[in-house]
N, C-alpha and C. Protein backbone atom coordinates (compact mmCIF):
# COMPACT_ATOMS: atom_id res chain seq x y z
N MET A 1 82.32 143.40 87.52
CA MET A 1 83.10 142.32 88.08
C MET A 1 82.69 141.03 87.38
N SER A 2 83.65 140.24 86.99
CA SER A 2 83.40 138.99 86.29
C SER A 2 82.96 137.90 87.25
N THR A 3 81.99 137.11 86.82
CA THR A 3 81.56 135.99 87.63
C THR A 3 82.07 134.68 87.07
N GLU A 4 82.91 134.74 86.04
CA GLU A 4 83.49 133.54 85.45
C GLU A 4 84.44 132.89 86.45
N PRO A 5 84.37 131.57 86.60
CA PRO A 5 85.30 130.89 87.51
C PRO A 5 86.73 130.98 86.98
N ILE A 6 87.68 130.99 87.87
CA ILE A 6 89.09 131.02 87.52
C ILE A 6 89.57 129.58 87.44
N SER A 7 90.01 129.17 86.24
CA SER A 7 90.47 127.80 86.07
C SER A 7 91.99 127.74 86.17
N LEU A 8 92.48 126.78 86.93
CA LEU A 8 93.93 126.59 87.11
C LEU A 8 94.39 125.30 86.45
N LEU A 9 93.58 124.72 85.60
CA LEU A 9 93.86 123.39 85.08
C LEU A 9 94.53 123.38 83.71
N GLY A 10 94.98 124.48 83.23
CA GLY A 10 95.64 124.50 81.94
C GLY A 10 96.24 125.86 81.67
N GLY A 11 96.63 126.08 80.45
CA GLY A 11 97.17 127.38 80.08
C GLY A 11 98.68 127.42 80.21
N HIS A 12 99.19 128.63 80.22
CA HIS A 12 100.63 128.85 80.25
C HIS A 12 101.22 128.53 81.61
N SER A 13 102.37 127.89 81.61
CA SER A 13 103.05 127.56 82.86
C SER A 13 103.86 128.76 83.34
N VAL A 14 103.83 128.97 84.63
CA VAL A 14 104.62 130.03 85.23
C VAL A 14 105.85 129.43 85.91
N TYR A 15 105.69 128.28 86.52
CA TYR A 15 106.76 127.60 87.21
C TYR A 15 107.09 126.29 86.50
N CYS A 16 108.34 125.90 86.56
CA CYS A 16 108.73 124.58 86.08
C CYS A 16 108.70 123.62 87.26
N ILE A 17 108.34 122.40 87.01
CA ILE A 17 108.35 121.38 88.06
C ILE A 17 109.59 120.54 87.86
N ASN A 18 110.41 120.48 88.88
CA ASN A 18 111.62 119.68 88.84
C ASN A 18 111.24 118.21 88.96
N GLU A 19 111.58 117.43 87.95
CA GLU A 19 111.18 116.02 87.94
C GLU A 19 111.81 115.24 89.08
N GLY A 20 113.03 115.58 89.47
CA GLY A 20 113.68 114.91 90.60
C GLY A 20 112.94 115.18 91.90
N GLN A 21 112.54 116.42 92.11
CA GLN A 21 111.78 116.75 93.31
C GLN A 21 110.41 116.08 93.30
N LEU A 22 109.80 116.00 92.13
CA LEU A 22 108.52 115.33 92.02
C LEU A 22 108.65 113.85 92.36
N ARG A 23 109.70 113.21 91.85
CA ARG A 23 109.96 111.79 92.18
C ARG A 23 110.16 111.62 93.68
N ASP A 24 110.95 112.53 94.28
CA ASP A 24 111.19 112.46 95.73
C ASP A 24 109.90 112.65 96.52
N ALA A 25 109.02 113.53 96.04
CA ALA A 25 107.75 113.76 96.72
C ALA A 25 106.88 112.51 96.67
N VAL A 26 106.83 111.88 95.50
CA VAL A 26 106.05 110.64 95.37
C VAL A 26 106.64 109.57 96.28
N GLN A 27 107.96 109.49 96.32
CA GLN A 27 108.63 108.50 97.18
C GLN A 27 108.28 108.77 98.65
N LEU A 28 108.29 110.04 99.06
CA LEU A 28 107.95 110.39 100.44
C LEU A 28 106.50 110.02 100.74
N SER A 29 105.62 110.17 99.73
CA SER A 29 104.22 109.83 99.95
C SER A 29 104.01 108.32 100.07
N GLU A 30 105.03 107.54 99.72
CA GLU A 30 104.97 106.08 99.84
C GLU A 30 105.82 105.57 101.00
N ASP A 31 106.48 106.46 101.70
CA ASP A 31 107.34 106.12 102.83
C ASP A 31 106.50 105.54 103.97
N PRO A 32 107.02 104.52 104.66
CA PRO A 32 106.24 103.90 105.75
C PRO A 32 105.83 104.87 106.85
N GLU A 33 106.65 105.88 107.14
CA GLU A 33 106.33 106.82 108.21
C GLU A 33 105.49 107.99 107.70
N SER A 34 105.93 108.65 106.65
CA SER A 34 105.25 109.84 106.14
C SER A 34 104.08 109.51 105.24
N GLY A 35 104.17 108.42 104.51
CA GLY A 35 103.16 108.05 103.53
C GLY A 35 101.74 108.02 104.04
N PRO A 36 101.48 107.32 105.14
CA PRO A 36 100.09 107.25 105.63
C PRO A 36 99.51 108.63 105.96
N ARG A 37 100.32 109.51 106.54
CA ARG A 37 99.82 110.86 106.86
C ARG A 37 99.52 111.64 105.59
N ILE A 38 100.43 111.55 104.63
CA ILE A 38 100.23 112.25 103.36
C ILE A 38 99.01 111.70 102.63
N GLN A 39 98.91 110.38 102.55
CA GLN A 39 97.78 109.76 101.85
C GLN A 39 96.45 110.10 102.52
N GLU A 40 96.42 110.15 103.84
CA GLU A 40 95.19 110.50 104.56
C GLU A 40 94.73 111.91 104.20
N LYS A 41 95.68 112.85 104.20
CA LYS A 41 95.34 114.23 103.86
C LYS A 41 94.89 114.34 102.41
N LEU A 42 95.57 113.63 101.50
CA LEU A 42 95.18 113.65 100.09
C LEU A 42 93.76 113.12 99.91
N THR A 43 93.44 112.03 100.55
CA THR A 43 92.10 111.44 100.45
C THR A 43 91.05 112.43 100.95
N ASP A 44 91.32 113.08 102.09
CA ASP A 44 90.40 114.07 102.64
C ASP A 44 90.21 115.23 101.67
N LEU A 45 91.32 115.75 101.14
CA LEU A 45 91.25 116.90 100.23
C LEU A 45 90.55 116.55 98.92
N GLU A 46 90.84 115.38 98.39
CA GLU A 46 90.22 114.97 97.13
C GLU A 46 88.71 114.81 97.28
N GLY A 47 88.27 114.43 98.47
CA GLY A 47 86.84 114.30 98.72
C GLY A 47 86.16 115.63 98.99
N ALA A 48 86.92 116.60 99.48
CA ALA A 48 86.33 117.87 99.90
C ALA A 48 86.45 118.99 98.86
N LEU A 49 87.43 118.89 97.97
CA LEU A 49 87.69 119.96 97.03
C LEU A 49 87.53 119.51 95.59
N SER A 50 87.10 120.44 94.74
CA SER A 50 87.05 120.15 93.31
C SER A 50 88.48 120.05 92.77
N ARG A 51 88.61 119.56 91.56
CA ARG A 51 89.94 119.44 90.95
C ARG A 51 90.61 120.82 90.84
N ASN A 52 89.85 121.83 90.48
CA ASN A 52 90.37 123.18 90.37
C ASN A 52 90.80 123.72 91.74
N GLU A 53 90.00 123.44 92.76
CA GLU A 53 90.36 123.86 94.12
C GLU A 53 91.61 123.14 94.61
N GLN A 54 91.76 121.87 94.25
CA GLN A 54 92.98 121.14 94.60
C GLN A 54 94.20 121.80 93.94
N ALA A 55 94.06 122.20 92.68
CA ALA A 55 95.16 122.88 91.99
C ALA A 55 95.48 124.20 92.68
N ALA A 56 94.45 124.95 93.07
CA ALA A 56 94.68 126.21 93.78
C ALA A 56 95.43 125.98 95.08
N LEU A 57 95.00 124.97 95.83
CA LEU A 57 95.66 124.65 97.09
C LEU A 57 97.12 124.28 96.87
N ALA A 58 97.39 123.48 95.84
CA ALA A 58 98.77 123.09 95.54
C ALA A 58 99.64 124.31 95.26
N PHE A 59 99.13 125.23 94.45
CA PHE A 59 99.89 126.44 94.14
C PHE A 59 100.10 127.31 95.37
N VAL A 60 99.07 127.43 96.21
CA VAL A 60 99.19 128.24 97.42
C VAL A 60 100.22 127.62 98.37
N ILE A 61 100.20 126.31 98.52
CA ILE A 61 101.18 125.63 99.38
C ILE A 61 102.59 125.86 98.84
N ILE A 62 102.78 125.69 97.53
CA ILE A 62 104.11 125.91 96.94
C ILE A 62 104.56 127.34 97.18
N GLU A 63 103.67 128.31 96.99
CA GLU A 63 104.04 129.71 97.20
C GLU A 63 104.41 129.98 98.65
N ARG A 64 103.66 129.41 99.58
CA ARG A 64 103.99 129.60 101.00
C ARG A 64 105.34 128.97 101.34
N LEU A 65 105.61 127.79 100.77
CA LEU A 65 106.91 127.15 100.99
C LEU A 65 108.04 127.98 100.41
N ARG A 66 107.81 128.56 99.24
CA ARG A 66 108.84 129.41 98.62
C ARG A 66 109.16 130.62 99.48
N ASN A 67 108.15 131.13 100.17
CA ASN A 67 108.32 132.35 100.95
C ASN A 67 108.62 132.11 102.43
N SER A 68 108.62 130.84 102.85
CA SER A 68 108.88 130.57 104.27
C SER A 68 110.38 130.66 104.55
N THR A 69 110.70 130.88 105.81
CA THR A 69 112.09 131.00 106.21
C THR A 69 112.63 129.75 106.88
N ASP A 70 111.83 128.69 106.95
CA ASP A 70 112.27 127.45 107.60
C ASP A 70 113.30 126.74 106.76
């Protein structure tokens, strides 16, 4: 079994990021109602997780959203 860490910070892309959706996400993170909640969670996560762990979390959240029925 390999003990090498799994890096998510580079390499081949599997998914494309839609620039319009990314712009909308940034806009939502700056929204007077949603922004403070989003920024609070980001600050907490950035303090608690490494950059690689943050990338893993982002991918896991995207995958869960892709598979959710809401």
